[in-house]
Amino acid sequence: MTTTLKIGVIGTGSISTAHLNAYAKNDDVTVVAICDLNEKRAKAVAETYGATKVYTDYKELLADNDIDAISICVWNNLHAEISVAALDAGKKVLVEKPLSMTVEQAKEVEAAVHRNNQLLQVGFVRRYSSNTKLLKDFIDNGELGEVYYAKASCLRRLGNPGGWFADKERSGGGPLIDLGVHVIDICWYLMGCPKVKSVSGNIYNKLGNRSNIKNLSFYKAADYDASKNTVEDMANALIRFENGASLLVDVSFTLHAKKDEIAVKLYGDKGGAELEPELFIVSEKHDTILNVSPQVDNLSFDFAQGFQNEIDHFVNCCLGKAETLSPVEHGVEMMKILTGIYESSEKGSEIQF
C-alpha cells in the first residue's frame, strides 16, 4: 500500500459529509471514489471532493484494486452486508454506527474481520472527542476510582428526522439505535467496557412523528416524508454489567419536554464526572469535595472536530501507526445491548445474557 491512503466512500447522505470533510483535511488521504444509488448525487459529491470515480453499485467499488479503505455511510440495514463484502475484498473499513441490525449480523462482521485479519473501525465518534480523551485520561489514572454507575440522556422534544430514519426496515429502530447508541457507548467505553449481564428496557410509541407541530424547526432527512413513521418515540433502559456496574439511559425523537437535553454522567468511588453537556469533574481532596472545571478548548462534543479526530485515527490505523479505539468486538457488544432493550420491551421482562 502506498503512503497516501486511497479512500472510497459508500453512501452520500448527510453523515458522509462529515467523513468527506475530514478526509479532505488529512494530507495522507486521497478520496478516489464515491458510490451512491443516486448517480446524479454521487457525481456531484465526487466533483466537490475531487474523486475521479463514481459508482452506483458498491460491489463494483469494492472490486476496484485502486482503493485501500472505505467509509460506509449508508442505511443501517446495509452496514453488515457491505462490511463483510469489503473485508472479504481486502479493504479496510470504517462503518458508521450501529455495526448492524442484529447480533447475528454483527458476529458475521466479526468473523469476517478475523478470517481476513483486516481492520474494521466502528463509527463511535464520541470516543474520539477531545473531552472524552481528557476524561478517559483521568479515569485511567484512577481519579474517579471504580466507576460503578452512569446515567445518559439524549432527549429531543421534536426531532424525528423522517425518511429512512423513520423506516424501521432500513434503520432498525428510532432514537435508541440512532441516538442511544452514542450515549450508551460513551458511558460503556468510559466504564471500561464491562461485559453486559442483563438489560431491562421500555419502548414507547405514543406521539408519532408530530409533523403537525409548527413554529419549531428540526433536522429532516433528505427523503423526509411526514406520512411515514414506523419507529419508536422514545426508549429507556437499565443495563447491568458483570462487574456489578449499571447504566441508566433514556432517549427520544419526540417527547413533551421543555427543551432538548443531552447528559452523560459517571460516578465512581473516588470521584464523579459529567461529559455532557459540559466536561466537569467532581473530586474529593483533604476531606473537601471539589468541583473541577478543566481549562480546555472544548468542554463539550465538537461535531466537526470529533469526526476529524475519528477519521485521522482511522487513517493512522490503516497506515499501521495506531490501533483503533472502536474495534468490531465493541460493535458486537453494543448490538447485544441495543437489541436486548428492544427485546426486553417486547417481552415485558429483563433479558439475561
Protein backbone atom coordinates (compact mmCIF):
# COMPACT_ATOMS: atom_id res chain seq x y z
CA MET A 1 0.00 0.00 0.00
CA THR A 2 1.26 3.45 -0.87
CA THR A 3 1.88 6.14 1.73
CA THR A 4 -1.21 8.01 0.52
CA LEU A 5 -4.33 6.12 1.56
CA LYS A 6 -6.86 5.81 -1.26
CA ILE A 7 -10.41 6.07 0.02
CA GLY A 8 -13.82 5.13 -1.33
CA VAL A 9 -16.98 6.42 0.33
CA ILE A 10 -20.19 4.42 0.00
CA GLY A 11 -23.34 6.45 0.58
CA THR A 12 -23.72 10.22 0.15
CA GLY A 13 -26.26 11.02 2.85
CA SER A 14 -25.65 13.73 5.43
CA ILE A 15 -23.17 11.76 7.55
CA SER A 16 -20.90 11.23 4.55
CA THR A 17 -20.23 14.97 4.51
CA ALA A 18 -18.59 14.70 7.93
CA HIS A 19 -16.38 11.87 6.65
CA LEU A 20 -15.50 13.60 3.40
CA ASN A 21 -14.72 16.95 5.01
CA ALA A 22 -12.37 15.20 7.43
CA TYR A 23 -10.67 13.16 4.70
CA ALA A 24 -10.17 16.36 2.70
CA LYS A 25 -8.18 17.83 5.58
CA ASN A 26 -5.93 14.80 6.00
CA ASP A 27 -2.72 15.02 3.97
CA ASP A 28 -2.29 11.23 3.94
CA VAL A 29 -5.56 10.64 2.06
CA THR A 30 -6.85 10.78 -1.48
CA VAL A 31 -10.59 10.31 -1.97
CA VAL A 32 -10.69 8.19 -5.11
CA ALA A 33 -14.28 7.01 -5.45
CA ILE A 34 -17.86 7.83 -4.44
CA CYS A 35 -20.74 5.36 -4.55
CA ASP A 36 -24.46 6.01 -4.24
CA LEU A 37 -27.65 4.58 -5.73
CA ASN A 38 -28.39 8.11 -6.91
CA GLU A 39 -25.80 8.59 -9.66
CA LYS A 40 -26.50 12.29 -10.04
CA ARG A 41 -25.85 12.91 -6.36
CA ALA A 42 -22.77 10.68 -6.42
CA LYS A 43 -21.31 12.65 -9.34
CA ALA A 44 -21.96 15.96 -7.57
CA VAL A 45 -20.23 14.76 -4.41
CA ALA A 46 -17.32 13.34 -6.40
CA GLU A 47 -16.83 16.68 -8.14
CA THR A 48 -16.91 18.54 -4.83
CA TYR A 49 -14.23 16.36 -3.25
CA GLY A 50 -12.11 15.63 -6.31
CA ALA A 51 -12.92 11.93 -6.61
CA THR A 52 -12.24 10.58 -10.09
CA LYS A 53 -14.51 7.52 -9.95
CA VAL A 54 -18.26 7.20 -9.44
CA TYR A 55 -20.19 4.00 -8.79
CA THR A 56 -23.84 3.14 -8.22
CA ASP A 57 -23.10 -0.46 -7.15
CA TYR A 58 -20.94 -0.87 -4.04
CA LYS A 59 -19.72 -4.26 -5.30
CA GLU A 60 -18.08 -2.56 -8.27
CA LEU A 61 -16.34 -0.12 -5.96
CA LEU A 62 -15.08 -2.99 -3.79
CA ALA A 63 -13.68 -4.71 -6.89
CA ASP A 64 -11.55 -1.63 -7.61
CA ASN A 65 -7.98 -2.55 -6.65
CA ASP A 66 -7.03 1.10 -6.57
CA ILE A 67 -8.98 1.58 -3.31
CA ASP A 68 -7.34 0.76 0.04
CA ALA A 69 -10.10 1.60 2.51
CA ILE A 70 -13.74 2.64 2.63
CA SER A 71 -16.21 4.60 4.71
CA ILE A 72 -19.67 3.05 4.90
CA CYS A 73 -22.29 5.80 5.24
CA VAL A 74 -25.46 4.03 4.10
CA TRP A 75 -28.71 2.93 5.73
CA ASN A 76 -28.27 0.80 8.85
CA ASN A 77 -29.69 -2.31 7.20
CA LEU A 78 -26.71 -2.42 4.80
CA HIS A 79 -23.91 -1.84 7.31
CA ALA A 80 -23.18 -5.51 7.99
CA GLU A 81 -23.62 -6.68 4.40
CA ILE A 82 -21.24 -4.11 2.95
CA SER A 83 -18.75 -4.51 5.82
CA VAL A 84 -18.44 -8.26 5.22
CA ALA A 85 -18.11 -7.80 1.46
CA ALA A 86 -15.48 -5.08 1.91
CA LEU A 87 -13.42 -7.11 4.36
CA ASP A 88 -13.52 -10.12 2.05
CA ALA A 89 -12.39 -7.81 -0.77
CA GLY A 90 -9.33 -6.84 1.27
CA LYS A 91 -10.49 -3.32 2.15
CA LYS A 92 -10.00 -1.61 5.48
CA VAL A 93 -13.35 -0.42 6.82
CA LEU A 94 -14.82 2.47 8.77
CA VAL A 95 -18.50 1.70 9.24
CA GLU A 96 -20.97 4.13 10.72
CA LYS A 97 -22.80 3.07 13.86
CA PRO A 98 -24.61 0.82 14.51
CA LEU A 99 -22.47 -2.05 13.26
CA SER A 100 -25.55 -3.99 12.16
CA MET A 101 -29.26 -4.55 12.79
CA THR A 102 -28.89 -7.82 14.75
CA VAL A 103 -26.36 -9.58 16.95
CA GLU A 104 -26.11 -12.38 14.40
CA GLN A 105 -25.14 -9.91 11.68
CA ALA A 106 -22.61 -8.28 14.00
CA LYS A 107 -20.99 -11.66 14.63
CA GLU A 108 -20.78 -12.24 10.87
CA VAL A 109 -18.85 -8.98 10.55
CA GLU A 110 -16.60 -10.00 13.44
CA ALA A 111 -15.90 -13.34 11.74
CA ALA A 112 -15.01 -11.52 8.51
CA VAL A 113 -12.57 -9.28 10.38
CA HIS A 114 -10.78 -12.28 11.86
CA ARG A 115 -10.73 -14.53 8.81
CA ASN A 116 -9.24 -11.70 6.75
CA ASN A 117 -7.03 -10.36 9.54
CA GLN A 118 -8.33 -6.96 8.48
CA LEU A 119 -9.11 -3.62 10.13
CA LEU A 120 -12.66 -2.52 10.88
CA GLN A 121 -13.41 0.57 12.95
CA VAL A 122 -16.94 1.17 14.21
CA GLY A 123 -18.07 4.80 13.98
CA PHE A 124 -18.43 5.54 17.68
CA VAL A 125 -17.34 9.12 17.02
CA ARG A 126 -17.74 10.40 20.58
CA ARG A 127 -14.88 8.15 21.68
CA TYR A 128 -12.59 10.35 19.58
CA SER A 129 -13.73 13.67 21.04
CA SER A 130 -11.19 15.75 22.93
CA ASN A 131 -13.36 15.97 26.04
CA THR A 132 -13.74 12.18 26.07
CA LYS A 133 -9.98 11.71 25.76
CA LEU A 134 -9.35 14.04 28.66
CA LEU A 135 -11.88 12.34 30.92
CA LYS A 136 -10.56 8.90 29.98
CA ASP A 137 -7.08 10.01 30.99
CA PHE A 138 -8.47 10.99 34.41
CA ILE A 139 -10.29 7.67 34.75
CA ASP A 140 -7.32 5.60 33.58
CA ASN A 141 -5.18 7.35 36.21
CA GLY A 142 -7.61 6.44 38.97
CA GLU A 143 -9.10 9.89 39.61
CA LEU A 144 -12.66 8.52 39.70
CA GLY A 145 -11.73 5.17 41.20
CA GLU A 146 -14.12 2.35 40.31
CA VAL A 147 -16.84 3.72 38.05
CA TYR A 148 -19.90 1.77 39.17
CA TYR A 149 -22.83 3.86 37.89
CA ALA A 150 -23.59 6.02 34.88
CA LYS A 151 -26.58 7.96 33.53
CA ALA A 152 -27.14 9.05 29.95
CA SER A 153 -29.91 11.04 28.29
CA CYS A 154 -30.38 12.29 24.76
CA LEU A 155 -33.86 13.74 24.62
CA ARG A 156 -35.37 15.61 21.69
CA ARG A 157 -38.73 17.30 22.23
CA LEU A 158 -39.21 17.34 18.43
CA GLY A 159 -36.66 15.62 16.26
CA ASN A 160 -37.78 12.64 14.23
CA PRO A 161 -35.70 13.16 11.05
CA GLY A 162 -38.17 11.20 8.93
CA GLY A 163 -37.04 9.46 5.76
CA TRP A 164 -35.02 6.30 6.32
CA PHE A 165 -34.52 7.25 9.98
CA ALA A 166 -38.27 6.74 10.46
CA ASP A 167 -38.40 3.48 8.49
CA LYS A 168 -37.69 0.53 10.79
CA GLU A 169 -36.91 -1.75 7.85
CA ARG A 170 -33.93 0.41 6.92
CA SER A 171 -32.96 1.92 10.28
CA GLY A 172 -33.64 -0.94 12.67
CA GLY A 173 -35.33 1.44 15.11
CA GLY A 174 -35.66 5.03 16.20
CA PRO A 175 -33.92 7.11 18.84
CA LEU A 176 -32.50 4.08 20.65
CA ILE A 177 -30.45 2.86 17.70
CA ASP A 178 -29.77 6.35 16.30
CA LEU A 179 -29.07 8.44 19.42
CA GLY A 180 -28.93 5.90 22.22
CA VAL A 181 -26.07 4.03 20.61
CA HIS A 182 -23.86 7.11 21.08
CA VAL A 183 -24.61 7.88 24.72
CA ILE A 184 -24.74 4.22 25.79
CA ASP A 185 -21.45 3.54 24.07
CA ILE A 186 -19.60 6.52 25.52
CA CYS A 187 -20.66 5.57 29.05
CA TRP A 188 -19.76 1.93 28.46
CA TYR A 189 -16.38 2.91 26.98
CA LEU A 190 -15.50 5.17 29.90
CA MET A 191 -16.66 2.48 32.36
CA GLY A 192 -14.02 0.17 30.92
CA CYS A 193 -16.24 -1.82 28.53
CA PRO A 194 -17.54 -4.39 31.05
CA LYS A 195 -19.47 -7.38 29.74
CA VAL A 196 -23.22 -6.85 29.73
CA LYS A 197 -25.14 -9.09 32.14
CA SER A 198 -28.77 -8.02 31.62
CA VAL A 199 -30.99 -5.26 30.27
CA SER A 200 -34.47 -4.12 31.18
CA GLY A 201 -35.98 -1.72 28.67
CA ASN A 202 -39.11 0.09 27.61
CA ILE A 203 -40.03 1.30 24.13
CA TYR A 204 -42.85 3.82 23.61
CA ASN A 205 -44.88 4.71 20.52
CA LYS A 206 -47.18 7.44 21.82
CA LEU A 207 -46.69 10.65 19.84
CA GLY A 208 -45.68 9.63 16.31
CA ASN A 209 -43.53 11.99 14.26
CA ARG A 210 -45.58 15.07 15.33
CA SER A 211 -45.44 16.52 11.83
CA ASN A 212 -48.36 18.74 12.85
CA ILE A 213 -46.13 20.91 15.04
CA LYS A 214 -45.47 24.43 13.75
CA ASN A 215 -43.01 27.19 14.70
CA LEU A 216 -40.23 24.81 15.79
CA SER A 217 -37.64 23.64 13.28
CA PHE A 218 -35.67 20.40 13.33
CA TYR A 219 -33.33 18.36 11.14
CA LYS A 220 -35.04 16.47 8.33
CA ALA A 221 -33.59 13.66 6.25
CA ALA A 222 -33.20 14.21 2.52
CA ASP A 223 -36.08 11.78 1.87
CA TYR A 224 -38.33 13.22 4.58
CA ASP A 225 -41.97 12.13 4.29
CA ALA A 226 -44.31 13.25 7.08
CA SER A 227 -46.78 10.46 6.34
CA LYS A 228 -44.41 7.60 7.20
CA ASN A 229 -43.09 6.56 10.61
CA THR A 230 -42.56 3.04 11.97
CA VAL A 231 -40.02 3.69 14.74
CA GLU A 232 -40.38 4.40 18.45
CA ASP A 233 -40.78 7.86 20.01
CA MET A 234 -38.58 7.13 22.99
CA ALA A 235 -36.85 4.39 24.95
CA ASN A 236 -35.38 3.89 28.40
CA ALA A 237 -33.36 1.10 29.95
CA LEU A 238 -31.41 -0.15 32.93
CA ILE A 239 -28.28 -2.02 31.84
CA ARG A 240 -26.41 -4.23 34.30
CA PHE A 241 -22.84 -5.42 33.80
CA GLU A 242 -21.00 -8.50 35.04
CA ASN A 243 -18.72 -6.41 37.26
CA GLY A 244 -21.72 -5.05 39.18
CA ALA A 245 -21.82 -1.65 37.48
CA SER A 246 -25.03 -0.27 35.99
CA LEU A 247 -26.14 2.28 33.40
CA LEU A 248 -29.46 4.12 33.23
CA VAL A 249 -30.39 5.62 29.85
CA ASP A 250 -33.28 7.40 28.14
CA VAL A 251 -33.52 8.76 24.60
CA SER A 252 -36.24 10.26 22.42
CA PHE A 253 -37.08 11.59 18.98
CA THR A 254 -40.13 13.31 20.41
CA LEU A 255 -41.32 13.96 23.95
CA HIS A 256 -43.43 16.54 25.76
CA ALA A 257 -40.32 18.11 27.28
CA LYS A 258 -39.46 21.73 27.98
CA LYS A 259 -36.27 21.56 25.93
CA ASP A 260 -33.83 19.21 24.23
CA GLU A 261 -31.38 17.62 26.62
CA ILE A 262 -28.15 15.69 26.45
CA ALA A 263 -26.45 14.49 29.61
CA VAL A 264 -23.71 11.95 30.29
CA LYS A 265 -22.72 11.38 33.92
CA LEU A 266 -20.42 8.87 35.58
CA TYR A 267 -19.96 8.09 39.26
CA GLY A 268 -17.00 6.35 40.89
CA ASP A 269 -15.95 5.59 44.46
CA LYS A 270 -13.30 8.35 44.36
CA GLY A 271 -14.96 10.95 42.13
CA GLY A 272 -17.57 11.69 39.51
CA ALA A 273 -17.80 13.41 36.16
CA GLU A 274 -20.11 14.89 33.58
CA LEU A 275 -19.10 14.58 29.95
CA GLU A 276 -22.17 16.31 28.51
CA PRO A 277 -23.46 18.97 28.31
CA GLU A 278 -20.00 20.10 29.52
CA LEU A 279 -16.99 18.28 30.89
CA PHE A 280 -16.99 18.61 34.65
CA ILE A 281 -15.23 16.58 37.34
CA VAL A 282 -16.15 16.13 41.00
CA SER A 283 -13.29 15.18 43.30
CA GLU A 284 -12.53 14.86 46.98
CA LYS A 285 -9.27 16.17 48.45
CA HIS A 286 -8.31 16.69 52.07
CA ASP A 287 -11.85 15.91 53.28
CA THR A 288 -13.30 18.52 50.94
CA ILE A 289 -15.46 17.98 47.85
CA LEU A 290 -14.14 19.88 44.83
CA ASN A 291 -15.93 20.85 41.63
CA VAL A 292 -13.31 20.87 38.88
CA SER A 293 -13.81 22.60 35.53
CA PRO A 294 -10.87 21.86 33.18
CA GLN A 295 -9.42 24.73 31.17
CA VAL A 296 -9.63 23.33 27.64
CA ASP A 297 -10.70 24.49 24.19
CA ASN A 298 -13.85 22.35 24.07
CA LEU A 299 -15.73 21.26 27.17
CA SER A 300 -18.49 19.73 25.01
CA PHE A 301 -18.55 17.45 21.98
CA ASP A 302 -17.41 19.35 18.91
CA PHE A 303 -19.07 17.61 15.94
CA ALA A 304 -16.59 18.63 13.24
CA GLN A 305 -13.52 18.09 15.40
CA GLY A 306 -14.85 14.77 16.66
CA PHE A 307 -15.18 13.44 13.12
CA GLN A 308 -11.79 14.88 12.18
CA ASN A 309 -10.20 13.04 15.11
CA GLU A 310 -12.05 9.83 14.22
CA ILE A 311 -11.07 9.95 10.55
CA ASP A 312 -7.46 10.88 11.35
CA HIS A 313 -7.27 7.95 13.76
CA PHE A 314 -8.75 5.57 11.17
CA VAL A 315 -6.20 6.74 8.60
CA ASN A 316 -3.36 6.19 11.09
CA CYS A 317 -4.70 2.71 11.80
CA CYS A 318 -4.78 1.94 8.09
CA LEU A 319 -1.18 3.11 7.78
CA GLY A 320 -0.08 1.00 10.73
CA LYS A 321 0.52 3.95 13.05
CA ALA A 322 -2.21 3.26 15.62
CA GLU A 323 -4.76 0.77 16.96
CA THR A 324 -8.46 1.52 16.69
CA LEU A 325 -10.35 2.68 19.77
CA SER A 326 -13.59 1.12 18.49
CA PRO A 327 -12.95 -2.44 17.26
CA VAL A 328 -15.53 -4.85 15.89
CA GLU A 329 -15.82 -6.66 19.22
CA HIS A 330 -17.19 -3.48 20.79
CA GLY A 331 -19.70 -3.18 17.97
CA VAL A 332 -20.92 -6.70 18.71
CA GLU A 333 -21.34 -6.00 22.43
CA MET A 334 -23.24 -2.78 21.65
CA MET A 335 -25.65 -4.69 19.42
CA LYS A 336 -26.30 -7.11 22.29
CA ILE A 337 -27.30 -4.14 24.43
CA LEU A 338 -29.45 -2.39 21.82
CA THR A 339 -31.31 -5.47 20.62
CA GLY A 340 -31.67 -6.61 24.23
CA ILE A 341 -33.52 -3.39 25.09
CA TYR A 342 -35.94 -3.85 22.19
CA GLU A 343 -36.48 -7.50 23.16
CA SER A 344 -36.98 -6.63 26.83
CA SER A 345 -39.68 -4.13 25.99
CA GLU A 346 -41.44 -6.55 23.65
CA LYS A 347 -41.44 -9.34 26.24
CA GLY A 348 -42.05 -7.09 29.23
CA SER A 349 -39.22 -8.68 31.19
CA GLU A 350 -35.50 -8.41 31.82
CA ILE A 351 -33.18 -10.01 29.27
CA GLN A 352 -30.25 -12.03 30.62
CA PHE A 353 -27.05 -12.63 28.64
